[in-house]
Amino acid sequence: AAIALAQKRSAGQVIDIAHEFGSNGELGMASSE
C-alpha cells in the first residue's frame, strides 16, 4: 500500500498522508490488520 501511494504521488497525484494512515485509509487498515 505504501509503494502504491508512492507511485501515485510520483505520477503527480496529491496524497493525504493523514487520511491514508487513518482508520479508513489504505495504510491505516493494513496496519490495523
ModelCIF file with pLDDT and N, C-alpha, C, O atoms, coordinates in Angstrom:
data_MODEL
#
_entry.id   MODEL 
#
_entity.id                         1 
_entity.type                       polymer 
_entity.pdbx_number_of_molecules   1 
#
_entity_poly.entity_id                      1 
_entity_poly.type                           'polypeptide(L)' 
_entity_poly.nstd_linkage                   no 
_entity_poly.nstd_monomer                   no 
_entity_poly.pdbx_seq_one_letter_code       AAIALAQKRSAGQVIDIAHEFGSNGELGMASSE 
_entity_poly.pdbx_seq_one_letter_code_can   AAIALAQKRSAGQVIDIAHEFGSNGELGMASSE 
_entity_poly.pdbx_strand_id                 A 
#
loop_
_entity_poly_seq.entity_id 
_entity_poly_seq.num 
_entity_poly_seq.mon_id 
_entity_poly_seq.hetero 
1 1  ALA n 
1 2  ALA n 
1 3  ILE n 
1 4  ALA n 
1 5  LEU n 
1 6  ALA n 
1 7  GLN n 
1 8  LYS n 
1 9  ARG n 
1 10 SER n 
1 11 ALA n 
1 12 GLY n 
1 13 GLN n 
1 14 VAL n 
1 15 ILE n 
1 16 ASP n 
1 17 ILE n 
1 18 ALA n 
1 19 HIS n 
1 20 GLU n 
1 21 PHE n 
1 22 GLY n 
1 23 SER n 
1 24 ASN n 
1 25 GLY n 
1 26 GLU n 
1 27 LEU n 
1 28 GLY n 
1 29 MET n 
1 30 ALA n 
1 31 SER n 
1 32 SER n 
1 33 GLU n 
#
_struct_asym.id          A 
_struct_asym.entity_id   1 
#
loop_
_ma_qa_metric.id 
_ma_qa_metric.mode 
_ma_qa_metric.name 
_ma_qa_metric.software_group_id 
_ma_qa_metric.type 
1 global pLDDT . pLDDT 
2 local  pLDDT . pLDDT 
#
_ma_qa_metric_global.metric_id      1 
_ma_qa_metric_global.metric_value   88.91 
_ma_qa_metric_global.model_id       1 
_ma_qa_metric_global.ordinal_id     1 
#
loop_
_ma_qa_metric_local.label_asym_id 
_ma_qa_metric_local.label_comp_id 
_ma_qa_metric_local.label_seq_id 
_ma_qa_metric_local.metric_id 
_ma_qa_metric_local.metric_value 
_ma_qa_metric_local.model_id 
_ma_qa_metric_local.ordinal_id 
A ALA 1  2 90.00 1 1  
A ALA 2  2 89.00 1 2  
A ILE 3  2 88.00 1 3  
A ALA 4  2 89.00 1 4  
A LEU 5  2 88.00 1 5  
A ALA 6  2 87.00 1 6  
A GLN 7  2 86.00 1 7  
A LYS 8  2 87.00 1 8  
A ARG 9  2 84.00 1 9  
A SER 10 2 83.00 1 10 
A ALA 11 2 84.00 1 11 
A GLY 12 2 84.00 1 12 
A GLN 13 2 87.00 1 13 
A VAL 14 2 87.00 1 14 
A ILE 15 2 86.00 1 15 
A ASP 16 2 90.00 1 16 
A ILE 17 2 88.00 1 17 
A ALA 18 2 89.00 1 18 
A HIS 19 2 93.00 1 19 
A GLU 20 2 91.00 1 20 
A PHE 21 2 90.00 1 21 
A GLY 22 2 91.00 1 22 
A SER 23 2 89.00 1 23 
A ASN 24 2 91.00 1 24 
A GLY 25 2 92.00 1 25 
A GLU 26 2 89.00 1 26 
A LEU 27 2 90.00 1 27 
A GLY 28 2 92.00 1 28 
A MET 29 2 92.00 1 29 
A ALA 30 2 91.00 1 30 
A SER 31 2 92.00 1 31 
A SER 32 2 93.00 1 32 
A GLU 33 2 92.00 1 33 
#
loop_
_atom_site.group_PDB 
_atom_site.id 
_atom_site.type_symbol 
_atom_site.label_atom_id 
_atom_site.label_alt_id 
_atom_site.label_comp_id 
_atom_site.label_asym_id 
_atom_site.label_entity_id 
_atom_site.label_seq_id 
_atom_site.pdbx_PDB_ins_code 
_atom_site.Cartn_x 
_atom_site.Cartn_y 
_atom_site.Cartn_z 
_atom_site.occupancy 
_atom_site.B_iso_or_equiv 
_atom_site.pdbx_formal_charge 
_atom_site.auth_seq_id 
_atom_site.auth_comp_id 
_atom_site.auth_asym_id 
_atom_site.auth_atom_id 
_atom_site.pdbx_PDB_model_num 
ATOM 1   N N  . ALA A 1 1  ? 0.837   -1.199 0.000   1.00 90.00 ? 1  ALA A N  1 
ATOM 2   C CA . ALA A 1 1  ? 0.000   0.000  0.000   1.00 90.00 ? 1  ALA A CA 1 
ATOM 3   C C  . ALA A 1 1  ? 0.873   1.251  0.000   1.00 90.00 ? 1  ALA A C  1 
ATOM 4   O O  . ALA A 1 1  ? 0.560   2.219  -0.692  1.00 90.00 ? 1  ALA A O  1 
ATOM 5   N N  . ALA A 1 2  ? 1.961   1.245  0.764   1.00 89.00 ? 2  ALA A N  1 
ATOM 6   C CA . ALA A 1 2  ? 2.870   2.395  0.791   1.00 89.00 ? 2  ALA A CA 1 
ATOM 7   C C  . ALA A 1 2  ? 3.511   2.612  -0.583  1.00 89.00 ? 2  ALA A C  1 
ATOM 8   O O  . ALA A 1 2  ? 3.630   3.747  -1.042  1.00 89.00 ? 2  ALA A O  1 
ATOM 9   N N  . ILE A 1 3  ? 3.915   1.539  -1.224  1.00 88.00 ? 3  ILE A N  1 
ATOM 10  C CA . ILE A 1 3  ? 4.527   1.635  -2.550  1.00 88.00 ? 3  ILE A CA 1 
ATOM 11  C C  . ILE A 1 3  ? 3.508   2.151  -3.567  1.00 88.00 ? 3  ILE A C  1 
ATOM 12  O O  . ILE A 1 3  ? 3.842   2.983  -4.411  1.00 88.00 ? 3  ILE A O  1 
ATOM 13  N N  . ALA A 1 4  ? 2.269   1.662  -3.492  1.00 89.00 ? 4  ALA A N  1 
ATOM 14  C CA . ALA A 1 4  ? 1.218   2.135  -4.411  1.00 89.00 ? 4  ALA A CA 1 
ATOM 15  C C  . ALA A 1 4  ? 0.975   3.629  -4.225  1.00 89.00 ? 4  ALA A C  1 
ATOM 16  O O  . ALA A 1 4  ? 0.784   4.351  -5.203  1.00 89.00 ? 4  ALA A O  1 
ATOM 17  N N  . LEU A 1 5  ? 0.982   4.095  -2.983  1.00 88.00 ? 5  LEU A N  1 
ATOM 18  C CA . LEU A 1 5  ? 0.801   5.529  -2.734  1.00 88.00 ? 5  LEU A CA 1 
ATOM 19  C C  . LEU A 1 5  ? 1.984   6.331  -3.274  1.00 88.00 ? 5  LEU A C  1 
ATOM 20  O O  . LEU A 1 5  ? 1.804   7.412  -3.835  1.00 88.00 ? 5  LEU A O  1 
ATOM 21  N N  . ALA A 1 6  ? 3.178   5.805  -3.103  1.00 87.00 ? 6  ALA A N  1 
ATOM 22  C CA . ALA A 1 6  ? 4.367   6.484  -3.623  1.00 87.00 ? 6  ALA A CA 1 
ATOM 23  C C  . ALA A 1 6  ? 4.303   6.583  -5.144  1.00 87.00 ? 6  ALA A C  1 
ATOM 24  O O  . ALA A 1 6  ? 4.695   7.597  -5.721  1.00 87.00 ? 6  ALA A O  1 
ATOM 25  N N  . GLN A 1 7  ? 3.814   5.540  -5.784  1.00 86.00 ? 7  GLN A N  1 
ATOM 26  C CA . GLN A 1 7  ? 3.676   5.568  -7.240  1.00 86.00 ? 7  GLN A CA 1 
ATOM 27  C C  . GLN A 1 7  ? 2.663   6.628  -7.670  1.00 86.00 ? 7  GLN A C  1 
ATOM 28  O O  . GLN A 1 7  ? 2.877   7.345  -8.647  1.00 86.00 ? 7  GLN A O  1 
ATOM 29  N N  . LYS A 1 8  ? 1.557   6.719  -6.926  1.00 87.00 ? 8  LYS A N  1 
ATOM 30  C CA . LYS A 1 8  ? 0.560   7.753  -7.236  1.00 87.00 ? 8  LYS A CA 1 
ATOM 31  C C  . LYS A 1 8  ? 1.163   9.141  -7.062  1.00 87.00 ? 8  LYS A C  1 
ATOM 32  O O  . LYS A 1 8  ? 0.990   10.026 -7.900  1.00 87.00 ? 8  LYS A O  1 
ATOM 33  N N  . ARG A 1 9  ? 1.874   9.306  -5.955  1.00 84.00 ? 9  ARG A N  1 
ATOM 34  C CA . ARG A 1 9  ? 2.491   10.609 -5.687  1.00 84.00 ? 9  ARG A CA 1 
ATOM 35  C C  . ARG A 1 9  ? 3.510   10.942 -6.784  1.00 84.00 ? 9  ARG A C  1 
ATOM 36  O O  . ARG A 1 9  ? 3.584   12.082 -7.241  1.00 84.00 ? 9  ARG A O  1 
ATOM 37  N N  . SER A 1 10 ? 4.277   9.960  -7.194  1.00 83.00 ? 10 SER A N  1 
ATOM 38  C CA . SER A 1 10 ? 5.276   10.132 -8.243  1.00 83.00 ? 10 SER A CA 1 
ATOM 39  C C  . SER A 1 10 ? 4.617   10.515 -9.568  1.00 83.00 ? 10 SER A C  1 
ATOM 40  O O  . SER A 1 10 ? 5.206   11.225 -10.383 1.00 83.00 ? 10 SER A O  1 
ATOM 41  N N  . ALA A 1 11 ? 3.389   10.037 -9.773  1.00 84.00 ? 11 ALA A N  1 
ATOM 42  C CA . ALA A 1 11 ? 2.655   10.350 -11.002 1.00 84.00 ? 11 ALA A CA 1 
ATOM 43  C C  . ALA A 1 11 ? 1.955   11.709 -10.919 1.00 84.00 ? 11 ALA A C  1 
ATOM 44  O O  . ALA A 1 11 ? 1.265   12.119 -11.852 1.00 84.00 ? 11 ALA A O  1 
ATOM 45  N N  . GLY A 1 12 ? 2.142   12.405 -9.785  1.00 84.00 ? 12 GLY A N  1 
ATOM 46  C CA . GLY A 1 12 ? 1.582   13.744 -9.658  1.00 84.00 ? 12 GLY A CA 1 
ATOM 47  C C  . GLY A 1 12 ? 0.301   13.844 -8.855  1.00 84.00 ? 12 GLY A C  1 
ATOM 48  O O  . GLY A 1 12 ? -0.230  14.941 -8.682  1.00 84.00 ? 12 GLY A O  1 
ATOM 49  N N  . GLN A 1 13 ? -0.205  12.731 -8.361  1.00 87.00 ? 13 GLN A N  1 
ATOM 50  C CA . GLN A 1 13 ? -1.415  12.790 -7.543  1.00 87.00 ? 13 GLN A CA 1 
ATOM 51  C C  . GLN A 1 13 ? -1.088  13.311 -6.148  1.00 87.00 ? 13 GLN A C  1 
ATOM 52  O O  . GLN A 1 13 ? -0.016  13.047 -5.603  1.00 87.00 ? 13 GLN A O  1 
ATOM 53  N N  . VAL A 1 14 ? -2.023  14.049 -5.589  1.00 87.00 ? 14 VAL A N  1 
ATOM 54  C CA . VAL A 1 14 ? -1.860  14.551 -4.224  1.00 87.00 ? 14 VAL A CA 1 
ATOM 55  C C  . VAL A 1 14 ? -2.304  13.457 -3.264  1.00 87.00 ? 14 VAL A C  1 
ATOM 56  O O  . VAL A 1 14 ? -3.388  12.892 -3.410  1.00 87.00 ? 14 VAL A O  1 
ATOM 57  N N  . ILE A 1 15 ? -1.464  13.165 -2.287  1.00 86.00 ? 15 ILE A N  1 
ATOM 58  C CA . ILE A 1 15 ? -1.742  12.111 -1.310  1.00 86.00 ? 15 ILE A CA 1 
ATOM 59  C C  . ILE A 1 15 ? -1.961  12.758 0.051   1.00 86.00 ? 15 ILE A C  1 
ATOM 60  O O  . ILE A 1 15 ? -1.132  13.544 0.509   1.00 86.00 ? 15 ILE A O  1 
ATOM 61  N N  . ASP A 1 16 ? -3.059  12.433 0.688   1.00 90.00 ? 16 ASP A N  1 
ATOM 62  C CA . ASP A 1 16 ? -3.343  12.908 2.038   1.00 90.00 ? 16 ASP A CA 1 
ATOM 63  C C  . ASP A 1 16 ? -2.817  11.853 3.021   1.00 90.00 ? 16 ASP A C  1 
ATOM 64  O O  . ASP A 1 16 ? -3.484  10.857 3.301   1.00 90.00 ? 16 ASP A O  1 
ATOM 65  N N  . ILE A 1 17 ? -1.615  12.095 3.531   1.00 88.00 ? 17 ILE A N  1 
ATOM 66  C CA . ILE A 1 17 ? -0.951  11.131 4.411   1.00 88.00 ? 17 ILE A CA 1 
ATOM 67  C C  . ILE A 1 17 ? -1.795  10.853 5.649   1.00 88.00 ? 17 ILE A C  1 
ATOM 68  O O  . ILE A 1 17 ? -1.928  9.700  6.060   1.00 88.00 ? 17 ILE A O  1 
ATOM 69  N N  . ALA A 1 18 ? -2.364  11.895 6.246   1.00 89.00 ? 18 ALA A N  1 
ATOM 70  C CA . ALA A 1 18 ? -3.177  11.704 7.458   1.00 89.00 ? 18 ALA A CA 1 
ATOM 71  C C  . ALA A 1 18 ? -4.356  10.780 7.170   1.00 89.00 ? 18 ALA A C  1 
ATOM 72  O O  . ALA A 1 18 ? -4.670  9.902  7.974   1.00 89.00 ? 18 ALA A O  1 
ATOM 73  N N  . HIS A 1 19 ? -5.004  10.976 6.032   1.00 93.00 ? 19 HIS A N  1 
ATOM 74  C CA . HIS A 1 19 ? -6.130  10.106 5.674   1.00 93.00 ? 19 HIS A CA 1 
ATOM 75  C C  . HIS A 1 19 ? -5.657  8.676  5.431   1.00 93.00 ? 19 HIS A C  1 
ATOM 76  O O  . HIS A 1 19 ? -6.268  7.725  5.919   1.00 93.00 ? 19 HIS A O  1 
ATOM 77  N N  . GLU A 1 20 ? -4.581  8.527  4.685   1.00 91.00 ? 20 GLU A N  1 
ATOM 78  C CA . GLU A 1 20 ? -4.101  7.186  4.331   1.00 91.00 ? 20 GLU A CA 1 
ATOM 79  C C  . GLU A 1 20 ? -3.698  6.370  5.552   1.00 91.00 ? 20 GLU A C  1 
ATOM 80  O O  . GLU A 1 20 ? -3.844  5.147  5.556   1.00 91.00 ? 20 GLU A O  1 
ATOM 81  N N  . PHE A 1 21 ? -3.190  7.036  6.591   1.00 90.00 ? 21 PHE A N  1 
ATOM 82  C CA . PHE A 1 21 ? -2.808  6.332  7.814   1.00 90.00 ? 21 PHE A CA 1 
ATOM 83  C C  . PHE A 1 21 ? -3.951  6.299  8.833   1.00 90.00 ? 21 PHE A C  1 
ATOM 84  O O  . PHE A 1 21 ? -3.831  5.678  9.888   1.00 90.00 ? 21 PHE A O  1 
ATOM 85  N N  . GLY A 1 22 ? -5.061  6.974  8.507   1.00 91.00 ? 22 GLY A N  1 
ATOM 86  C CA . GLY A 1 22 ? -6.232  6.961  9.396   1.00 91.00 ? 22 GLY A CA 1 
ATOM 87  C C  . GLY A 1 22 ? -6.979  5.643  9.292   1.00 91.00 ? 22 GLY A C  1 
ATOM 88  O O  . GLY A 1 22 ? -6.619  4.772  8.500   1.00 91.00 ? 22 GLY A O  1 
ATOM 89  N N  . SER A 1 23 ? -8.015  5.506  10.095  1.00 89.00 ? 23 SER A N  1 
ATOM 90  C CA . SER A 1 23 ? -8.738  4.230  10.173  1.00 89.00 ? 23 SER A CA 1 
ATOM 91  C C  . SER A 1 23 ? -9.411  3.831  8.861   1.00 89.00 ? 23 SER A C  1 
ATOM 92  O O  . SER A 1 23 ? -9.640  2.642  8.637   1.00 89.00 ? 23 SER A O  1 
ATOM 93  N N  . ASN A 1 24 ? -9.736  4.790  7.985   1.00 91.00 ? 24 ASN A N  1 
ATOM 94  C CA . ASN A 1 24 ? -10.362 4.466  6.704   1.00 91.00 ? 24 ASN A CA 1 
ATOM 95  C C  . ASN A 1 24 ? -9.390  4.469  5.537   1.00 91.00 ? 24 ASN A C  1 
ATOM 96  O O  . ASN A 1 24 ? -9.775  4.172  4.406   1.00 91.00 ? 24 ASN A O  1 
ATOM 97  N N  . GLY A 1 25 ? -8.141  4.801  5.802   1.00 92.00 ? 25 GLY A N  1 
ATOM 98  C CA . GLY A 1 25 ? -7.130  4.829  4.743   1.00 92.00 ? 25 GLY A CA 1 
ATOM 99  C C  . GLY A 1 25 ? -6.543  3.458  4.501   1.00 92.00 ? 25 GLY A C  1 
ATOM 100 O O  . GLY A 1 25 ? -6.615  2.567  5.348   1.00 92.00 ? 25 GLY A O  1 
ATOM 101 N N  . GLU A 1 26 ? -5.968  3.310  3.339   1.00 89.00 ? 26 GLU A N  1 
ATOM 102 C CA . GLU A 1 26 ? -5.399  2.022  2.944   1.00 89.00 ? 26 GLU A CA 1 
ATOM 103 C C  . GLU A 1 26 ? -4.309  1.549  3.922   1.00 89.00 ? 26 GLU A C  1 
ATOM 104 O O  . GLU A 1 26 ? -4.302  0.393  4.345   1.00 89.00 ? 26 GLU A O  1 
ATOM 105 N N  . LEU A 1 27 ? -3.405  2.450  4.267   1.00 90.00 ? 27 LEU A N  1 
ATOM 106 C CA . LEU A 1 27 ? -2.327  2.080  5.188   1.00 90.00 ? 27 LEU A CA 1 
ATOM 107 C C  . LEU A 1 27 ? -2.843  1.889  6.611   1.00 90.00 ? 27 LEU A C  1 
ATOM 108 O O  . LEU A 1 27 ? -2.354  1.024  7.337   1.00 90.00 ? 27 LEU A O  1 
ATOM 109 N N  . GLY A 1 28 ? -3.802  2.669  7.003   1.00 92.00 ? 28 GLY A N  1 
ATOM 110 C CA . GLY A 1 28 ? -4.385  2.525  8.329   1.00 92.00 ? 28 GLY A CA 1 
ATOM 111 C C  . GLY A 1 28 ? -5.072  1.182  8.497   1.00 92.00 ? 28 GLY A C  1 
ATOM 112 O O  . GLY A 1 28 ? -4.937  0.530  9.533   1.00 92.00 ? 28 GLY A O  1 
ATOM 113 N N  . MET A 1 29 ? -5.811  0.772  7.473   1.00 92.00 ? 29 MET A N  1 
ATOM 114 C CA . MET A 1 29 ? -6.494  -0.536 7.539   1.00 92.00 ? 29 MET A CA 1 
ATOM 115 C C  . MET A 1 29 ? -5.483  -1.682 7.525   1.00 92.00 ? 29 MET A C  1 
ATOM 116 O O  . MET A 1 29 ? -5.643  -2.662 8.253   1.00 92.00 ? 29 MET A O  1 
ATOM 117 N N  . ALA A 1 30 ? -4.445  -1.560 6.701   1.00 91.00 ? 30 ALA A N  1 
ATOM 118 C CA . ALA A 1 30 ? -3.419  -2.607 6.659   1.00 91.00 ? 30 ALA A CA 1 
ATOM 119 C C  . ALA A 1 30 ? -2.693  -2.688 8.000   1.00 91.00 ? 30 ALA A C  1 
ATOM 120 O O  . ALA A 1 30 ? -2.387  -3.779 8.482   1.00 91.00 ? 30 ALA A O  1 
ATOM 121 N N  . SER A 1 31 ? -2.422  -1.540 8.594   1.00 92.00 ? 31 SER A N  1 
ATOM 122 C CA . SER A 1 31 ? -1.759  -1.505 9.890   1.00 92.00 ? 31 SER A CA 1 
ATOM 123 C C  . SER A 1 31 ? -2.631  -2.144 10.968  1.00 92.00 ? 31 SER A C  1 
ATOM 124 O O  . SER A 1 31 ? -2.135  -2.900 11.804  1.00 92.00 ? 31 SER A O  1 
ATOM 125 N N  . SER A 1 32 ? -3.910  -1.845 10.949  1.00 93.00 ? 32 SER A N  1 
ATOM 126 C CA . SER A 1 32 ? -4.835  -2.441 11.927  1.00 93.00 ? 32 SER A CA 1 
ATOM 127 C C  . SER A 1 32 ? -4.879  -3.951 11.793  1.00 93.00 ? 32 SER A C  1 
ATOM 128 O O  . SER A 1 32 ? -4.916  -4.672 12.790  1.00 93.00 ? 32 SER A O  1 
ATOM 129 N N  . GLU A 1 33 ? -4.875  -4.422 10.562  1.00 92.00 ? 33 GLU A N  1 
ATOM 130 C CA . GLU A 1 33 ? -4.887  -5.865 10.320  1.00 92.00 ? 33 GLU A CA 1 
ATOM 131 C C  . GLU A 1 33 ? -3.606  -6.506 10.863  1.00 92.00 ? 33 GLU A C  1 
ATOM 132 O O  . GLU A 1 33 ? -3.429  -7.719 10.755  1.00 92.00 ? 33 GLU A O  1 
#
